[in-house]
N, C-alpha and C. Protein backbone atom coordinates (compact mmCIF):
# COMPACT_ATOMS: atom_id res chain seq x y z
N UNK A 1 81.29 96.28 69.77
CA UNK A 1 82.03 96.14 71.01
C UNK A 1 83.19 95.19 70.79
N UNK A 2 84.31 95.53 71.39
CA UNK A 2 85.51 94.73 71.25
C UNK A 2 85.81 94.06 72.59
N UNK A 3 85.79 92.73 72.63
CA UNK A 3 86.00 92.00 73.86
C UNK A 3 87.36 91.34 73.92
N UNK A 4 88.20 91.58 72.92
CA UNK A 4 89.52 90.95 72.89
C UNK A 4 90.54 91.83 73.60
N UNK A 5 91.52 91.19 74.26
CA UNK A 5 92.61 91.97 74.85
C UNK A 5 93.37 92.73 73.75
N UNK A 6 93.97 93.85 74.11
CA UNK A 6 94.66 94.70 73.14
C UNK A 6 95.74 93.95 72.38
N UNK A 7 96.47 93.08 73.05
CA UNK A 7 97.55 92.33 72.41
C UNK A 7 97.00 91.37 71.34
N UNK A 8 95.89 90.73 71.65
CA UNK A 8 95.27 89.80 70.70
C UNK A 8 94.74 90.58 69.50
N UNK A 9 94.08 91.72 69.74
CA UNK A 9 93.56 92.54 68.66
C UNK A 9 94.70 93.05 67.78
N UNK A 10 95.81 93.46 68.38
CA UNK A 10 96.96 93.94 67.61
C UNK A 10 97.52 92.82 66.75
N UNK A 11 97.57 91.60 67.28
CA UNK A 11 98.05 90.46 66.50
C UNK A 11 97.13 90.15 65.33
N UNK A 12 95.83 90.22 65.56
CA UNK A 12 94.86 89.98 64.48
C UNK A 12 94.97 91.06 63.40
N UNK A 13 95.14 92.31 63.81
CA UNK A 13 95.29 93.40 62.85
C UNK A 13 96.55 93.23 62.02
N UNK A 14 97.65 92.84 62.66
CA UNK A 14 98.90 92.63 61.93
C UNK A 14 98.77 91.48 60.93
N UNK A 15 98.09 90.40 61.33
CA UNK A 15 97.88 89.26 60.43
C UNK A 15 97.00 89.67 59.24
N UNK A 16 95.99 90.49 59.47
CA UNK A 16 95.11 90.96 58.40
C UNK A 16 95.90 91.81 57.40
N UNK A 17 96.75 92.71 57.88
CA UNK A 17 97.57 93.54 56.99
C UNK A 17 98.53 92.68 56.19
N UNK A 18 99.15 91.72 56.84
CA UNK A 18 100.10 90.84 56.16
C UNK A 18 99.40 90.06 55.05
N UNK A 19 98.18 89.61 55.32
CA UNK A 19 97.40 88.88 54.32
C UNK A 19 97.03 89.79 53.14
N UNK A 20 96.64 91.03 53.43
CA UNK A 20 96.30 91.97 52.36
C UNK A 20 97.51 92.26 51.48
N UNK A 21 98.68 92.40 52.09
CA UNK A 21 99.90 92.69 51.32
C UNK A 21 100.25 91.53 50.39
N UNK A 22 100.02 90.31 50.83
CA UNK A 22 100.33 89.14 50.00
C UNK A 22 99.39 89.00 48.82
N UNK A 23 98.14 89.43 49.00
CA UNK A 23 97.13 89.23 47.96
C UNK A 23 97.27 90.19 46.78
N UNK A 24 97.90 91.33 46.98
CA UNK A 24 97.94 92.32 45.93
C UNK A 24 99.35 92.52 45.38
N UNK A 25 99.40 92.78 44.08
CA UNK A 25 100.65 93.15 43.43
C UNK A 25 100.66 94.64 43.17
N UNK A 26 99.58 95.31 43.58
CA UNK A 26 99.44 96.74 43.32
C UNK A 26 100.44 97.53 44.16
N UNK A 27 101.02 98.54 43.50
CA UNK A 27 102.00 99.40 44.14
C UNK A 27 101.72 100.84 43.75
N UNK A 28 102.10 101.77 44.61
CA UNK A 28 102.06 103.19 44.28
C UNK A 28 103.50 103.68 44.25
N UNK A 29 103.83 104.45 43.23
CA UNK A 29 105.18 104.98 43.10
C UNK A 29 105.13 106.49 43.20
N UNK A 30 105.98 107.02 44.08
CA UNK A 30 106.11 108.45 44.28
C UNK A 30 107.59 108.78 44.13
N UNK A 31 107.97 109.35 43.01
CA UNK A 31 109.39 109.60 42.76
C UNK A 31 110.12 108.27 42.69
N UNK A 32 111.11 108.08 43.56
CA UNK A 32 111.87 106.82 43.60
C UNK A 32 111.33 105.85 44.64
N UNK A 33 110.35 106.26 45.42
CA UNK A 33 109.80 105.42 46.49
C UNK A 33 108.61 104.61 45.97
N UNK A 34 108.52 103.35 46.43
CA UNK A 34 107.42 102.46 46.04
C UNK A 34 106.81 101.88 47.31
N UNK A 35 105.47 101.91 47.39
CA UNK A 35 104.75 101.41 48.55
C UNK A 35 103.70 100.40 48.10
N UNK A 36 103.59 99.24 48.78
CA UNK A 36 102.56 98.25 48.42
C UNK A 36 101.18 98.70 48.91
N UNK A 37 100.17 98.54 48.09
CA UNK A 37 98.80 98.88 48.46
C UNK A 37 98.21 97.76 49.29
N UNK A 38 97.39 98.13 50.26
CA UNK A 38 96.62 97.14 50.99
C UNK A 38 95.31 96.89 50.26
N UNK A 39 94.65 97.98 49.85
CA UNK A 39 93.39 97.87 49.12
C UNK A 39 93.35 98.93 48.02
N UNK A 40 92.66 98.58 46.92
CA UNK A 40 92.44 99.50 45.81
C UNK A 40 90.95 99.55 45.53
N UNK A 41 90.38 100.75 45.48
CA UNK A 41 88.96 100.92 45.25
C UNK A 41 88.76 101.98 44.18
N UNK A 42 87.52 102.17 43.76
CA UNK A 42 87.20 103.14 42.71
C UNK A 42 87.58 104.57 43.09
N UNK A 43 87.45 104.90 44.37
CA UNK A 43 87.69 106.29 44.79
C UNK A 43 89.04 106.50 45.46
N UNK A 44 89.87 105.44 45.59
CA UNK A 44 91.18 105.61 46.21
C UNK A 44 91.82 104.29 46.58
N UNK A 45 92.79 104.37 47.47
CA UNK A 45 93.52 103.18 47.91
C UNK A 45 94.00 103.39 49.33
N UNK A 46 94.47 102.30 49.96
CA UNK A 46 95.00 102.38 51.31
C UNK A 46 96.40 101.80 51.35
N UNK A 47 97.20 102.35 52.26
CA UNK A 47 98.54 101.86 52.55
C UNK A 47 98.62 101.57 54.04
N UNK A 48 99.59 100.76 54.43
CA UNK A 48 99.84 100.49 55.83
C UNK A 48 100.31 101.79 56.47
N UNK A 49 99.62 102.24 57.50
CA UNK A 49 99.96 103.53 58.11
C UNK A 49 101.31 103.50 58.83
N UNK A 50 101.83 102.31 59.13
CA UNK A 50 103.12 102.22 59.81
C UNK A 50 104.26 102.76 58.95
N UNK A 51 104.17 102.59 57.62
CA UNK A 51 105.24 103.10 56.75
C UNK A 51 104.72 104.00 55.64
N UNK A 52 103.49 104.48 55.78
CA UNK A 52 102.90 105.33 54.74
C UNK A 52 103.19 106.80 55.04
N UNK A 53 103.77 107.48 54.08
CA UNK A 53 103.97 108.92 54.27
C UNK A 53 102.66 109.66 54.03
N UNK A 54 102.63 110.91 54.38
CA UNK A 54 101.46 111.75 54.11
C UNK A 54 101.59 112.20 52.66
N UNK A 55 101.02 111.42 51.74
CA UNK A 55 101.15 111.69 50.31
C UNK A 55 100.09 112.68 49.85
N UNK A 56 100.49 113.50 48.89
CA UNK A 56 99.58 114.45 48.26
C UNK A 56 100.20 114.82 46.93
N UNK A 57 99.40 114.79 45.87
CA UNK A 57 99.92 115.19 44.57
C UNK A 57 99.86 114.06 43.56
N UNK A 58 100.82 114.09 42.63
CA UNK A 58 100.82 113.16 41.51
C UNK A 58 101.59 111.88 41.85
N UNK A 59 100.94 110.73 41.64
CA UNK A 59 101.56 109.42 41.88
C UNK A 59 101.22 108.50 40.71
N UNK A 60 101.95 107.39 40.62
CA UNK A 60 101.68 106.38 39.59
C UNK A 60 101.31 105.08 40.27
N UNK A 61 100.26 104.41 39.75
CA UNK A 61 99.83 103.11 40.27
C UNK A 61 100.22 102.01 39.30
N UNK A 62 100.76 100.93 39.85
CA UNK A 62 101.23 99.80 39.06
C UNK A 62 100.60 98.51 39.57
N UNK A 63 100.37 97.57 38.65
CA UNK A 63 100.02 96.20 39.00
C UNK A 63 101.21 95.38 38.56
N UNK A 64 102.08 95.02 39.49
CA UNK A 64 103.35 94.41 39.13
C UNK A 64 104.18 95.45 38.40
N UNK A 65 104.56 95.16 37.16
CA UNK A 65 105.34 96.12 36.37
C UNK A 65 104.48 96.91 35.39
N UNK A 66 103.18 96.61 35.33
CA UNK A 66 102.28 97.28 34.39
C UNK A 66 101.77 98.60 34.98
N UNK A 67 102.05 99.69 34.28
CA UNK A 67 101.61 101.01 34.70
C UNK A 67 100.12 101.16 34.38
N UNK A 68 99.29 101.30 35.43
CA UNK A 68 97.85 101.36 35.24
C UNK A 68 97.31 102.79 35.19
N UNK A 69 97.67 103.60 36.17
CA UNK A 69 97.09 104.93 36.31
C UNK A 69 98.14 105.95 36.72
N UNK A 70 97.90 107.18 36.30
CA UNK A 70 98.58 108.33 36.86
C UNK A 70 97.51 109.09 37.63
N UNK A 71 97.74 109.32 38.91
CA UNK A 71 96.69 109.83 39.78
C UNK A 71 97.12 111.08 40.52
N UNK A 72 96.15 111.94 40.75
CA UNK A 72 96.30 113.07 41.63
C UNK A 72 95.56 112.68 42.90
N UNK A 73 96.27 112.64 44.03
CA UNK A 73 95.68 112.12 45.27
C UNK A 73 95.81 113.12 46.41
N UNK A 74 95.06 112.84 47.45
CA UNK A 74 95.18 113.56 48.71
C UNK A 74 94.98 112.54 49.83
N UNK A 75 95.81 112.65 50.90
CA UNK A 75 95.65 111.77 52.05
C UNK A 75 94.37 112.18 52.76
N UNK A 76 93.53 111.21 53.04
CA UNK A 76 92.20 111.50 53.57
C UNK A 76 92.10 111.27 55.07
N UNK A 77 92.32 110.03 55.50
CA UNK A 77 92.17 109.70 56.91
C UNK A 77 92.94 108.45 57.26
N UNK A 78 93.21 108.29 58.54
CA UNK A 78 93.86 107.08 59.05
C UNK A 78 92.84 106.34 59.90
N UNK A 79 92.71 105.03 59.62
CA UNK A 79 91.73 104.23 60.35
C UNK A 79 92.21 102.79 60.42
N UNK A 80 92.20 102.21 61.59
CA UNK A 80 92.56 100.81 61.81
C UNK A 80 93.92 100.45 61.22
N UNK A 81 94.88 101.33 61.38
CA UNK A 81 96.23 101.05 60.90
C UNK A 81 96.41 101.21 59.40
N UNK A 82 95.42 101.78 58.71
CA UNK A 82 95.51 102.00 57.28
C UNK A 82 95.35 103.49 56.99
N UNK A 83 96.15 103.99 56.06
CA UNK A 83 96.03 105.38 55.61
C UNK A 83 95.28 105.38 54.30
N UNK A 84 94.18 106.12 54.24
CA UNK A 84 93.33 106.19 53.05
C UNK A 84 93.74 107.40 52.22
N UNK A 85 93.93 107.17 50.93
CA UNK A 85 94.23 108.23 49.96
C UNK A 85 93.10 108.26 48.95
N UNK A 86 92.56 109.44 48.69
CA UNK A 86 91.45 109.58 47.76
C UNK A 86 91.94 110.17 46.44
N UNK A 87 91.33 109.70 45.35
CA UNK A 87 91.65 110.22 44.03
C UNK A 87 90.95 111.55 43.81
N UNK A 88 91.71 112.53 43.35
CA UNK A 88 91.10 113.74 42.80
C UNK A 88 90.96 113.54 41.30
N UNK A 89 91.91 112.76 40.75
CA UNK A 89 91.89 112.42 39.32
C UNK A 89 92.66 111.11 39.17
N UNK A 90 92.16 110.21 38.34
CA UNK A 90 92.86 108.96 38.01
C UNK A 90 92.77 108.78 36.50
N UNK A 91 93.89 108.92 35.82
CA UNK A 91 93.94 108.82 34.37
C UNK A 91 94.60 107.50 33.98
N UNK A 92 93.95 106.77 33.11
CA UNK A 92 94.50 105.50 32.64
C UNK A 92 95.81 105.77 31.90
N UNK A 93 96.84 105.02 32.24
CA UNK A 93 98.14 105.17 31.59
C UNK A 93 98.09 104.48 30.22
N UNK A 94 98.52 105.17 29.21
CA UNK A 94 98.51 104.65 27.83
C UNK A 94 99.94 104.36 27.41
N UNK A 95 100.12 103.35 26.55
CA UNK A 95 101.45 103.05 26.05
C UNK A 95 101.77 103.81 24.77
N UNK A 96 100.80 104.57 24.26
CA UNK A 96 100.99 105.39 23.06
C UNK A 96 100.41 106.77 23.31
N UNK A 97 100.96 107.76 22.65
CA UNK A 97 100.40 109.10 22.73
C UNK A 97 99.07 109.13 21.99
N UNK A 98 98.11 109.89 22.48
CA UNK A 98 96.82 109.96 21.78
C UNK A 98 96.97 110.67 20.43
N UNK A 99 96.14 110.25 19.47
CA UNK A 99 96.15 110.88 18.15
C UNK A 99 95.42 112.22 18.21
N UNK A 100 95.89 113.17 17.40
CA UNK A 100 95.21 114.45 17.36
C UNK A 100 94.38 114.59 16.08
N UNK A 101 94.03 113.41 15.49
CA UNK A 101 93.20 113.41 14.30
C UNK A 101 92.40 112.12 14.30
N UNK A 102 91.33 112.09 13.51
CA UNK A 102 90.51 110.89 13.40
C UNK A 102 91.12 109.96 12.36
N UNK A 103 91.37 108.73 12.74
CA UNK A 103 91.95 107.75 11.82
C UNK A 103 90.82 107.05 11.06
N UNK A 104 90.94 107.00 9.74
CA UNK A 104 89.95 106.34 8.89
C UNK A 104 90.05 104.83 9.10
N UNK A 105 88.91 104.17 9.26
CA UNK A 105 88.88 102.72 9.47
C UNK A 105 89.53 101.96 8.32
N UNK A 106 89.38 102.45 7.11
CA UNK A 106 89.87 101.75 5.92
C UNK A 106 91.23 102.28 5.44
N UNK A 107 91.90 103.04 6.26
CA UNK A 107 93.20 103.58 5.86
C UNK A 107 94.21 102.45 5.78
N UNK A 108 95.16 102.53 4.83
CA UNK A 108 96.17 101.48 4.73
C UNK A 108 97.07 101.48 5.96
N UNK A 109 97.55 100.31 6.29
CA UNK A 109 98.42 100.17 7.45
C UNK A 109 99.83 100.64 7.10
N UNK A 110 100.26 100.39 5.88
CA UNK A 110 101.59 100.80 5.44
C UNK A 110 101.54 101.20 3.98
N UNK A 111 102.53 101.93 3.54
CA UNK A 111 102.62 102.35 2.16
C UNK A 111 103.66 101.47 1.47
N UNK A 112 103.24 100.76 0.42
CA UNK A 112 104.14 99.90 -0.34
C UNK A 112 104.39 100.58 -1.68
N UNK A 113 105.66 100.80 -1.98
CA UNK A 113 106.01 101.47 -3.25
C UNK A 113 106.58 100.46 -4.22
N UNK A 114 106.53 100.80 -5.48
CA UNK A 114 107.06 99.94 -6.56
C UNK A 114 108.58 100.17 -6.63
N UNK A 115 109.37 99.13 -6.38
CA UNK A 115 110.83 99.24 -6.36
C UNK A 115 111.48 98.88 -7.70
N UNK A 116 110.67 98.68 -8.76
CA UNK A 116 111.23 98.25 -10.04
C UNK A 116 111.92 99.39 -10.78
N UNK A 117 111.69 100.59 -10.45
CA UNK A 117 112.37 101.73 -10.98
C UNK A 117 112.19 102.00 -12.39
């Protein structure tokens, strides 16, 4: 049961969102647009519904400037001023392409040749 006047509840909700935005550096990038996350969970994330578009498809998640995940998402539901997006797939972003062969543990790191000719 909610016993607070609507104006007081709206103020509390706005303060809660503002606090969530300050605590996280997480961002979602869709094309050239970037949106700050309110919450990040194993199965998805939330954005402020006031400026959150109805996202669907491929997006990138960042922690500051570090690319964490490439995700396939779908907008799920809106609740308490937050838009919930669920992951259909979340792939860890790698800074190198994966190898298509097994690397030997004892393989040399570099090839040194004799330059004496």
